[in-house]
Amino acid sequence: SEDEPPDDGGGDDGGGGDDGTGGGDEAED
């Protein structure tokens, strides 16, 4: 796969997240 910058597609109202980094989900599944 290519290692290119993500396509964030812009957006006009910004955004935010939570109070930490996001964890994973289903690695072993």
mmCIF file of all heavy atoms, coordinates in Angstrom:
data_MODEL
# 
_entry.id   MODEL 
# 
loop_
_atom_site.group_PDB 
_atom_site.id 
_atom_site.type_symbol 
_atom_site.label_atom_id 
_atom_site.label_alt_id 
_atom_site.label_comp_id 
_atom_site.label_asym_id 
_atom_site.label_entity_id 
_atom_site.label_seq_id 
_atom_site.pdbx_PDB_ins_code 
_atom_site.Cartn_x 
_atom_site.Cartn_y 
_atom_site.Cartn_z 
_atom_site.occupancy 
_atom_site.B_iso_or_equiv 
_atom_site.pdbx_formal_charge 
_atom_site.auth_seq_id 
_atom_site.auth_comp_id 
_atom_site.auth_asym_id 
_atom_site.auth_atom_id 
_atom_site.pdbx_PDB_model_num 
ATOM 1   N N   . SER A 1 1  ? 0.836   -1.193  0.000  1.00 0.00 ? 1  SER A N   1 
ATOM 2   C CA  . SER A 1 1  ? 0.000   0.000   0.000  1.00 0.00 ? 1  SER A CA  1 
ATOM 3   C C   . SER A 1 1  ? 0.866   1.235   0.000  1.00 0.00 ? 1  SER A C   1 
ATOM 4   O O   . SER A 1 1  ? 2.003   1.226   0.460  1.00 0.00 ? 1  SER A O   1 
ATOM 5   C CB  . SER A 1 1  ? -0.917  0.002   1.231  1.00 0.00 ? 1  SER A CB  1 
ATOM 6   O OG  . SER A 1 1  ? -0.141  -0.056  2.401  1.00 0.00 ? 1  SER A OG  1 
ATOM 7   N N   . GLU A 1 2  ? 0.319   2.298   -0.512 1.00 0.00 ? 2  GLU A N   1 
ATOM 8   C CA  . GLU A 1 2  ? 1.061   3.548   -0.572 1.00 0.00 ? 2  GLU A CA  1 
ATOM 9   C C   . GLU A 1 2  ? 1.108   4.211   0.802  1.00 0.00 ? 2  GLU A C   1 
ATOM 10  O O   . GLU A 1 2  ? 0.203   4.077   1.605  1.00 0.00 ? 2  GLU A O   1 
ATOM 11  C CB  . GLU A 1 2  ? 0.406   4.503   -1.571 1.00 0.00 ? 2  GLU A CB  1 
ATOM 12  C CG  . GLU A 1 2  ? 0.491   4.013   -3.009 1.00 0.00 ? 2  GLU A CG  1 
ATOM 13  C CD  . GLU A 1 2  ? -0.100  5.031   -3.946 1.00 0.00 ? 2  GLU A CD  1 
ATOM 14  O OE1 . GLU A 1 2  ? -1.305  5.281   -3.826 1.00 0.00 ? 2  GLU A OE1 1 
ATOM 15  O OE2 . GLU A 1 2  ? 0.625   5.572   -4.780 1.00 0.00 ? 2  GLU A OE2 1 
ATOM 16  N N   . ASP A 1 3  ? 2.158   4.919   1.061  1.00 0.00 ? 3  ASP A N   1 
ATOM 17  C CA  . ASP A 1 3  ? 2.290   5.668   2.302  1.00 0.00 ? 3  ASP A CA  1 
ATOM 18  C C   . ASP A 1 3  ? 2.160   7.142   1.970  1.00 0.00 ? 3  ASP A C   1 
ATOM 19  O O   . ASP A 1 3  ? 3.123   7.872   1.886  1.00 0.00 ? 3  ASP A O   1 
ATOM 20  C CB  . ASP A 1 3  ? 3.647   5.363   2.944  1.00 0.00 ? 3  ASP A CB  1 
ATOM 21  C CG  . ASP A 1 3  ? 3.781   6.020   4.307  1.00 0.00 ? 3  ASP A CG  1 
ATOM 22  O OD1 . ASP A 1 3  ? 2.738   6.426   4.869  1.00 0.00 ? 3  ASP A OD1 1 
ATOM 23  O OD2 . ASP A 1 3  ? 4.909   6.122   4.783  1.00 0.00 ? 3  ASP A OD2 1 
ATOM 24  N N   . GLU A 1 4  ? 0.910   7.548   1.733  1.00 0.00 ? 4  GLU A N   1 
ATOM 25  C CA  . GLU A 1 4  ? 0.671   8.922   1.345  1.00 0.00 ? 4  GLU A CA  1 
ATOM 26  C C   . GLU A 1 4  ? -0.157  9.615   2.405  1.00 0.00 ? 4  GLU A C   1 
ATOM 27  O O   . GLU A 1 4  ? -0.783  8.958   3.236  1.00 0.00 ? 4  GLU A O   1 
ATOM 28  C CB  . GLU A 1 4  ? -0.067  8.963   -0.001 1.00 0.00 ? 4  GLU A CB  1 
ATOM 29  C CG  . GLU A 1 4  ? -1.436  8.300   0.043  1.00 0.00 ? 4  GLU A CG  1 
ATOM 30  C CD  . GLU A 1 4  ? -2.088  8.253   -1.330 1.00 0.00 ? 4  GLU A CD  1 
ATOM 31  O OE1 . GLU A 1 4  ? -1.384  8.059   -2.328 1.00 0.00 ? 4  GLU A OE1 1 
ATOM 32  O OE2 . GLU A 1 4  ? -3.324  8.415   -1.378 1.00 0.00 ? 4  GLU A OE2 1 
ATOM 33  N N   . PRO A 1 5  ? -0.165  10.931  2.431  1.00 0.00 ? 5  PRO A N   1 
ATOM 34  C CA  . PRO A 1 5  ? -0.932  11.632  3.461  1.00 0.00 ? 5  PRO A CA  1 
ATOM 35  C C   . PRO A 1 5  ? -2.408  11.268  3.379  1.00 0.00 ? 5  PRO A C   1 
ATOM 36  O O   . PRO A 1 5  ? -2.943  10.987  2.311  1.00 0.00 ? 5  PRO A O   1 
ATOM 37  C CB  . PRO A 1 5  ? -0.699  13.109  3.130  1.00 0.00 ? 5  PRO A CB  1 
ATOM 38  C CG  . PRO A 1 5  ? 0.549   13.117  2.325  1.00 0.00 ? 5  PRO A CG  1 
ATOM 39  C CD  . PRO A 1 5  ? 0.561   11.832  1.552  1.00 0.00 ? 5  PRO A CD  1 
ATOM 40  N N   . PRO A 1 6  ? -3.084  11.229  4.530  1.00 0.00 ? 6  PRO A N   1 
ATOM 41  C CA  . PRO A 1 6  ? -4.514  10.898  4.516  1.00 0.00 ? 6  PRO A CA  1 
ATOM 42  C C   . PRO A 1 6  ? -5.320  11.942  3.784  1.00 0.00 ? 6  PRO A C   1 
ATOM 43  O O   . PRO A 1 6  ? -4.981  13.118  3.765  1.00 0.00 ? 6  PRO A O   1 
ATOM 44  C CB  . PRO A 1 6  ? -4.880  10.853  6.004  1.00 0.00 ? 6  PRO A CB  1 
ATOM 45  C CG  . PRO A 1 6  ? -3.871  11.736  6.661  1.00 0.00 ? 6  PRO A CG  1 
ATOM 46  C CD  . PRO A 1 6  ? -2.609  11.566  5.873  1.00 0.00 ? 6  PRO A CD  1 
ATOM 47  N N   . ASP A 1 7  ? -6.432  11.446  3.216  1.00 0.00 ? 7  ASP A N   1 
ATOM 48  C CA  . ASP A 1 7  ? -7.353  12.352  2.523  1.00 0.00 ? 7  ASP A CA  1 
ATOM 49  C C   . ASP A 1 7  ? -8.358  12.854  3.541  1.00 0.00 ? 7  ASP A C   1 
ATOM 50  O O   . ASP A 1 7  ? -9.332  12.188  3.859  1.00 0.00 ? 7  ASP A O   1 
ATOM 51  C CB  . ASP A 1 7  ? -8.050  11.574  1.395  1.00 0.00 ? 7  ASP A CB  1 
ATOM 52  C CG  . ASP A 1 7  ? -9.120  12.407  0.707  1.00 0.00 ? 7  ASP A CG  1 
ATOM 53  O OD1 . ASP A 1 7  ? -9.134  13.640  0.915  1.00 0.00 ? 7  ASP A OD1 1 
ATOM 54  O OD2 . ASP A 1 7  ? -9.917  11.815  -0.021 1.00 0.00 ? 7  ASP A OD2 1 
ATOM 55  N N   . ASP A 1 8  ? -8.091  14.035  4.098  1.00 0.00 ? 8  ASP A N   1 
ATOM 56  C CA  . ASP A 1 8  ? -9.010  14.516  5.132  1.00 0.00 ? 8  ASP A CA  1 
ATOM 57  C C   . ASP A 1 8  ? -10.214 15.220  4.531  1.00 0.00 ? 8  ASP A C   1 
ATOM 58  O O   . ASP A 1 8  ? -11.188 15.479  5.219  1.00 0.00 ? 8  ASP A O   1 
ATOM 59  C CB  . ASP A 1 8  ? -8.279  15.451  6.103  1.00 0.00 ? 8  ASP A CB  1 
ATOM 60  C CG  . ASP A 1 8  ? -7.792  16.723  5.448  1.00 0.00 ? 8  ASP A CG  1 
ATOM 61  O OD1 . ASP A 1 8  ? -7.796  16.804  4.205  1.00 0.00 ? 8  ASP A OD1 1 
ATOM 62  O OD2 . ASP A 1 8  ? -7.418  17.635  6.189  1.00 0.00 ? 8  ASP A OD2 1 
ATOM 63  N N   . GLY A 1 9  ? -10.147 15.568  3.266  1.00 0.00 ? 9  GLY A N   1 
ATOM 64  C CA  . GLY A 1 9  ? -11.310 16.108  2.588  1.00 0.00 ? 9  GLY A CA  1 
ATOM 65  C C   . GLY A 1 9  ? -11.749 17.458  3.070  1.00 0.00 ? 9  GLY A C   1 
ATOM 66  O O   . GLY A 1 9  ? -12.807 17.930  2.706  1.00 0.00 ? 9  GLY A O   1 
ATOM 67  N N   . GLY A 1 10 ? -10.956 18.103  3.899  1.00 0.00 ? 10 GLY A N   1 
ATOM 68  C CA  . GLY A 1 10 ? -11.351 19.443  4.340  1.00 0.00 ? 10 GLY A CA  1 
ATOM 69  C C   . GLY A 1 10 ? -12.408 19.392  5.406  1.00 0.00 ? 10 GLY A C   1 
ATOM 70  O O   . GLY A 1 10 ? -12.477 18.491  6.204  1.00 0.00 ? 10 GLY A O   1 
ATOM 71  N N   . GLY A 1 11 ? -13.278 20.353  5.419  1.00 0.00 ? 11 GLY A N   1 
ATOM 72  C CA  . GLY A 1 11 ? -14.294 20.495  6.460  1.00 0.00 ? 11 GLY A CA  1 
ATOM 73  C C   . GLY A 1 11 ? -14.289 21.919  6.947  1.00 0.00 ? 11 GLY A C   1 
ATOM 74  O O   . GLY A 1 11 ? -13.243 22.541  7.077  1.00 0.00 ? 11 GLY A O   1 
ATOM 75  N N   . ASP A 1 12 ? -15.464 22.467  7.225  1.00 0.00 ? 12 ASP A N   1 
ATOM 76  C CA  . ASP A 1 12 ? -15.522 23.891  7.524  1.00 0.00 ? 12 ASP A CA  1 
ATOM 77  C C   . ASP A 1 12 ? -15.763 24.213  8.983  1.00 0.00 ? 12 ASP A C   1 
ATOM 78  O O   . ASP A 1 12 ? -15.855 25.374  9.337  1.00 0.00 ? 12 ASP A O   1 
ATOM 79  C CB  . ASP A 1 12 ? -16.627 24.546  6.673  1.00 0.00 ? 12 ASP A CB  1 
ATOM 80  C CG  . ASP A 1 12 ? -17.987 23.925  6.898  1.00 0.00 ? 12 ASP A CG  1 
ATOM 81  O OD1 . ASP A 1 12 ? -18.113 23.054  7.779  1.00 0.00 ? 12 ASP A OD1 1 
ATOM 82  O OD2 . ASP A 1 12 ? -18.913 24.314  6.180  1.00 0.00 ? 12 ASP A OD2 1 
ATOM 83  N N   . ASP A 1 13 ? -15.903 23.176  9.824  1.00 0.00 ? 13 ASP A N   1 
ATOM 84  C CA  . ASP A 1 13 ? -16.199 23.528  11.210 1.00 0.00 ? 13 ASP A CA  1 
ATOM 85  C C   . ASP A 1 13 ? -15.225 22.906  12.190 1.00 0.00 ? 13 ASP A C   1 
ATOM 86  O O   . ASP A 1 13 ? -15.460 22.904  13.380 1.00 0.00 ? 13 ASP A O   1 
ATOM 87  C CB  . ASP A 1 13 ? -17.631 23.129  11.591 1.00 0.00 ? 13 ASP A CB  1 
ATOM 88  C CG  . ASP A 1 13 ? -17.872 21.641  11.460 1.00 0.00 ? 13 ASP A CG  1 
ATOM 89  O OD1 . ASP A 1 13 ? -16.949 20.944  11.011 1.00 0.00 ? 13 ASP A OD1 1 
ATOM 90  O OD2 . ASP A 1 13 ? -18.964 21.191  11.817 1.00 0.00 ? 13 ASP A OD2 1 
ATOM 91  N N   . GLY A 1 14 ? -14.112 22.419  11.694 1.00 0.00 ? 14 GLY A N   1 
ATOM 92  C CA  . GLY A 1 14 ? -13.119 21.870  12.610 1.00 0.00 ? 14 GLY A CA  1 
ATOM 93  C C   . GLY A 1 14 ? -13.620 20.651  13.332 1.00 0.00 ? 14 GLY A C   1 
ATOM 94  O O   . GLY A 1 14 ? -14.572 20.013  12.937 1.00 0.00 ? 14 GLY A O   1 
ATOM 95  N N   . GLY A 1 15 ? -12.986 20.308  14.406 1.00 0.00 ? 15 GLY A N   1 
ATOM 96  C CA  . GLY A 1 15 ? -13.404 19.138  15.172 1.00 0.00 ? 15 GLY A CA  1 
ATOM 97  C C   . GLY A 1 15 ? -12.479 18.912  16.326 1.00 0.00 ? 15 GLY A C   1 
ATOM 98  O O   . GLY A 1 15 ? -11.467 19.566  16.481 1.00 0.00 ? 15 GLY A O   1 
ATOM 99  N N   . GLY A 1 16 ? -12.815 17.974  17.153 1.00 0.00 ? 16 GLY A N   1 
ATOM 100 C CA  . GLY A 1 16 ? -12.007 17.652  18.312 1.00 0.00 ? 16 GLY A CA  1 
ATOM 101 C C   . GLY A 1 16 ? -12.150 16.204  18.648 1.00 0.00 ? 16 GLY A C   1 
ATOM 102 O O   . GLY A 1 16 ? -12.848 15.464  17.981 1.00 0.00 ? 16 GLY A O   1 
ATOM 103 N N   . GLY A 1 17 ? -11.512 15.782  19.666 1.00 0.00 ? 17 GLY A N   1 
ATOM 104 C CA  . GLY A 1 17 ? -11.542 14.374  19.995 1.00 0.00 ? 17 GLY A CA  1 
ATOM 105 C C   . GLY A 1 17 ? -11.837 14.140  21.445 1.00 0.00 ? 17 GLY A C   1 
ATOM 106 O O   . GLY A 1 17 ? -12.624 14.834  22.057 1.00 0.00 ? 17 GLY A O   1 
ATOM 107 N N   . ASP A 1 18 ? -11.144 13.126  22.017 1.00 0.00 ? 18 ASP A N   1 
ATOM 108 C CA  . ASP A 1 18 ? -11.376 12.832  23.422 1.00 0.00 ? 18 ASP A CA  1 
ATOM 109 C C   . ASP A 1 18 ? -10.141 13.220  24.209 1.00 0.00 ? 18 ASP A C   1 
ATOM 110 O O   . ASP A 1 18 ? -9.341  14.019  23.776 1.00 0.00 ? 18 ASP A O   1 
ATOM 111 C CB  . ASP A 1 18 ? -11.761 11.349  23.618 1.00 0.00 ? 18 ASP A CB  1 
ATOM 112 C CG  . ASP A 1 18 ? -10.618 10.410  23.251 1.00 0.00 ? 18 ASP A CG  1 
ATOM 113 O OD1 . ASP A 1 18 ? -9.541  10.913  22.884 1.00 0.00 ? 18 ASP A OD1 1 
ATOM 114 O OD2 . ASP A 1 18 ? -10.814 9.193   23.350 1.00 0.00 ? 18 ASP A OD2 1 
ATOM 115 N N   . ASP A 1 19 ? -9.974  12.612  25.384 1.00 0.00 ? 19 ASP A N   1 
ATOM 116 C CA  . ASP A 1 19 ? -8.887  13.037  26.247 1.00 0.00 ? 19 ASP A CA  1 
ATOM 117 C C   . ASP A 1 19 ? -7.660  12.138  26.140 1.00 0.00 ? 19 ASP A C   1 
ATOM 118 O O   . ASP A 1 19 ? -6.802  12.135  26.999 1.00 0.00 ? 19 ASP A O   1 
ATOM 119 C CB  . ASP A 1 19 ? -9.347  13.090  27.700 1.00 0.00 ? 19 ASP A CB  1 
ATOM 120 C CG  . ASP A 1 19 ? -9.866  11.744  28.166 1.00 0.00 ? 19 ASP A CG  1 
ATOM 121 O OD1 . ASP A 1 19 ? -9.874  10.799  27.348 1.00 0.00 ? 19 ASP A OD1 1 
ATOM 122 O OD2 . ASP A 1 19 ? -10.245 11.645  29.341 1.00 0.00 ? 19 ASP A OD2 1 
ATOM 123 N N   . GLY A 1 20 ? -7.570  11.351  25.097 1.00 0.00 ? 20 GLY A N   1 
ATOM 124 C CA  . GLY A 1 20 ? -6.403  10.501  24.922 1.00 0.00 ? 20 GLY A CA  1 
ATOM 125 C C   . GLY A 1 20 ? -6.340  9.944   23.538 1.00 0.00 ? 20 GLY A C   1 
ATOM 126 O O   . GLY A 1 20 ? -7.142  10.271  22.675 1.00 0.00 ? 20 GLY A O   1 
ATOM 127 N N   . THR A 1 21 ? -5.380  9.072   23.302 1.00 0.00 ? 21 THR A N   1 
ATOM 128 C CA  . THR A 1 21 ? -5.266  8.458   21.984 1.00 0.00 ? 21 THR A CA  1 
ATOM 129 C C   . THR A 1 21 ? -6.276  7.345   21.846 1.00 0.00 ? 21 THR A C   1 
ATOM 130 O O   . THR A 1 21 ? -6.679  6.719   22.822 1.00 0.00 ? 21 THR A O   1 
ATOM 131 C CB  . THR A 1 21 ? -3.858  7.886   21.790 1.00 0.00 ? 21 THR A CB  1 
ATOM 132 O OG1 . THR A 1 21 ? -3.617  6.919   22.817 1.00 0.00 ? 21 THR A OG1 1 
ATOM 133 C CG2 . THR A 1 21 ? -2.813  8.986   21.863 1.00 0.00 ? 21 THR A CG2 1 
ATOM 134 N N   . GLY A 1 22 ? -6.688  7.094   20.619 1.00 0.00 ? 22 GLY A N   1 
ATOM 135 C CA  . GLY A 1 22 ? -7.675  6.051   20.381 1.00 0.00 ? 22 GLY A CA  1 
ATOM 136 C C   . GLY A 1 22 ? -7.053  4.677   20.436 1.00 0.00 ? 22 GLY A C   1 
ATOM 137 O O   . GLY A 1 22 ? -5.967  4.450   19.915 1.00 0.00 ? 22 GLY A O   1 
ATOM 138 N N   . GLY A 1 23 ? -7.741  3.741   21.080 1.00 0.00 ? 23 GLY A N   1 
ATOM 139 C CA  . GLY A 1 23 ? -7.255  2.370   21.189 1.00 0.00 ? 23 GLY A CA  1 
ATOM 140 C C   . GLY A 1 23 ? -7.587  1.567   19.959 1.00 0.00 ? 23 GLY A C   1 
ATOM 141 O O   . GLY A 1 23 ? -8.175  2.052   18.997 1.00 0.00 ? 23 GLY A O   1 
ATOM 142 N N   . GLY A 1 24 ? -7.239  0.293   19.996 1.00 0.00 ? 24 GLY A N   1 
ATOM 143 C CA  . GLY A 1 24 ? -7.493  -0.582  18.858 1.00 0.00 ? 24 GLY A CA  1 
ATOM 144 C C   . GLY A 1 24 ? -8.793  -1.313  19.015 1.00 0.00 ? 24 GLY A C   1 
ATOM 145 O O   . GLY A 1 24 ? -9.539  -1.109  19.948 1.00 0.00 ? 24 GLY A O   1 
ATOM 146 N N   . ASP A 1 25 ? -9.035  -2.224  18.047 1.00 0.00 ? 25 ASP A N   1 
ATOM 147 C CA  . ASP A 1 25 ? -10.289 -2.953  18.114 1.00 0.00 ? 25 ASP A CA  1 
ATOM 148 C C   . ASP A 1 25 ? -10.075 -4.448  18.020 1.00 0.00 ? 25 ASP A C   1 
ATOM 149 O O   . ASP A 1 25 ? -9.988  -5.129  19.008 1.00 0.00 ? 25 ASP A O   1 
ATOM 150 C CB  . ASP A 1 25 ? -11.229 -2.465  17.017 1.00 0.00 ? 25 ASP A CB  1 
ATOM 151 C CG  . ASP A 1 25 ? -12.607 -3.059  17.138 1.00 0.00 ? 25 ASP A CG  1 
ATOM 152 O OD1 . ASP A 1 25 ? -12.985 -3.425  18.253 1.00 0.00 ? 25 ASP A OD1 1 
ATOM 153 O OD2 . ASP A 1 25 ? -13.291 -3.155  16.123 1.00 0.00 ? 25 ASP A OD2 1 
ATOM 154 N N   . GLU A 1 26 ? -9.932  -4.969  16.843 1.00 0.00 ? 26 GLU A N   1 
ATOM 155 C CA  . GLU A 1 26 ? -10.081 -6.410  16.666 1.00 0.00 ? 26 GLU A CA  1 
ATOM 156 C C   . GLU A 1 26 ? -8.821  -7.096  16.155 1.00 0.00 ? 26 GLU A C   1 
ATOM 157 O O   . GLU A 1 26 ? -8.886  -7.940  15.279 1.00 0.00 ? 26 GLU A O   1 
ATOM 158 C CB  . GLU A 1 26 ? -11.225 -6.688  15.681 1.00 0.00 ? 26 GLU A CB  1 
ATOM 159 C CG  . GLU A 1 26 ? -12.492 -5.913  15.941 1.00 0.00 ? 26 GLU A CG  1 
ATOM 160 C CD  . GLU A 1 26 ? -13.098 -6.245  17.276 1.00 0.00 ? 26 GLU A CD  1 
ATOM 161 O OE1 . GLU A 1 26 ? -12.809 -7.317  17.821 1.00 0.00 ? 26 GLU A OE1 1 
ATOM 162 O OE2 . GLU A 1 26 ? -13.855 -5.427  17.791 1.00 0.00 ? 26 GLU A OE2 1 
ATOM 163 N N   . ALA A 1 27 ? -7.661  -6.794  16.668 1.00 0.00 ? 27 ALA A N   1 
ATOM 164 C CA  . ALA A 1 27 ? -6.435  -7.325  16.095 1.00 0.00 ? 27 ALA A CA  1 
ATOM 165 C C   . ALA A 1 27 ? -6.470  -8.843  15.984 1.00 0.00 ? 27 ALA A C   1 
ATOM 166 O O   . ALA A 1 27 ? -6.246  -9.402  14.926 1.00 0.00 ? 27 ALA A O   1 
ATOM 167 C CB  . ALA A 1 27 ? -5.243  -6.899  16.949 1.00 0.00 ? 27 ALA A CB  1 
ATOM 168 N N   . GLU A 1 28 ? -6.781  -9.540  17.086 1.00 0.00 ? 28 GLU A N   1 
ATOM 169 C CA  . GLU A 1 28 ? -6.695  -10.988 17.041 1.00 0.00 ? 28 GLU A CA  1 
ATOM 170 C C   . GLU A 1 28 ? -7.887  -11.601 16.333 1.00 0.00 ? 28 GLU A C   1 
ATOM 171 O O   . GLU A 1 28 ? -7.896  -12.791 16.055 1.00 0.00 ? 28 GLU A O   1 
ATOM 172 C CB  . GLU A 1 28 ? -6.591  -11.544 18.463 1.00 0.00 ? 28 GLU A CB  1 
ATOM 173 C CG  . GLU A 1 28 ? -7.810  -11.298 19.318 1.00 0.00 ? 28 GLU A CG  1 
ATOM 174 C CD  . GLU A 1 28 ? -7.637  -11.870 20.708 1.00 0.00 ? 28 GLU A CD  1 
ATOM 175 O OE1 . GLU A 1 28 ? -7.999  -13.038 20.888 1.00 0.00 ? 28 GLU A OE1 1 
ATOM 176 O OE2 . GLU A 1 28 ? -7.132  -11.170 21.588 1.00 0.00 ? 28 GLU A OE2 1 
ATOM 177 N N   . ASP A 1 29 ? -8.925  -10.797 16.055 1.00 0.00 ? 29 ASP A N   1 
ATOM 178 C CA  . ASP A 1 29 ? -10.112 -11.326 15.396 1.00 0.00 ? 29 ASP A CA  1 
ATOM 179 C C   . ASP A 1 29 ? -10.075 -11.108 13.905 1.00 0.00 ? 29 ASP A C   1 
ATOM 180 O O   . ASP A 1 29 ? -10.837 -11.724 13.169 1.00 0.00 ? 29 ASP A O   1 
ATOM 181 C CB  . ASP A 1 29 ? -11.366 -10.651 15.970 1.00 0.00 ? 29 ASP A CB  1 
ATOM 182 C CG  . ASP A 1 29 ? -11.452 -10.869 17.458 1.00 0.00 ? 29 ASP A CG  1 
ATOM 183 O OD1 . ASP A 1 29 ? -11.169 -11.973 17.912 1.00 0.00 ? 29 ASP A OD1 1 
ATOM 184 O OD2 . ASP A 1 29 ? -11.778 -9.898  18.156 1.00 0.00 ? 29 ASP A OD2 1 
# 
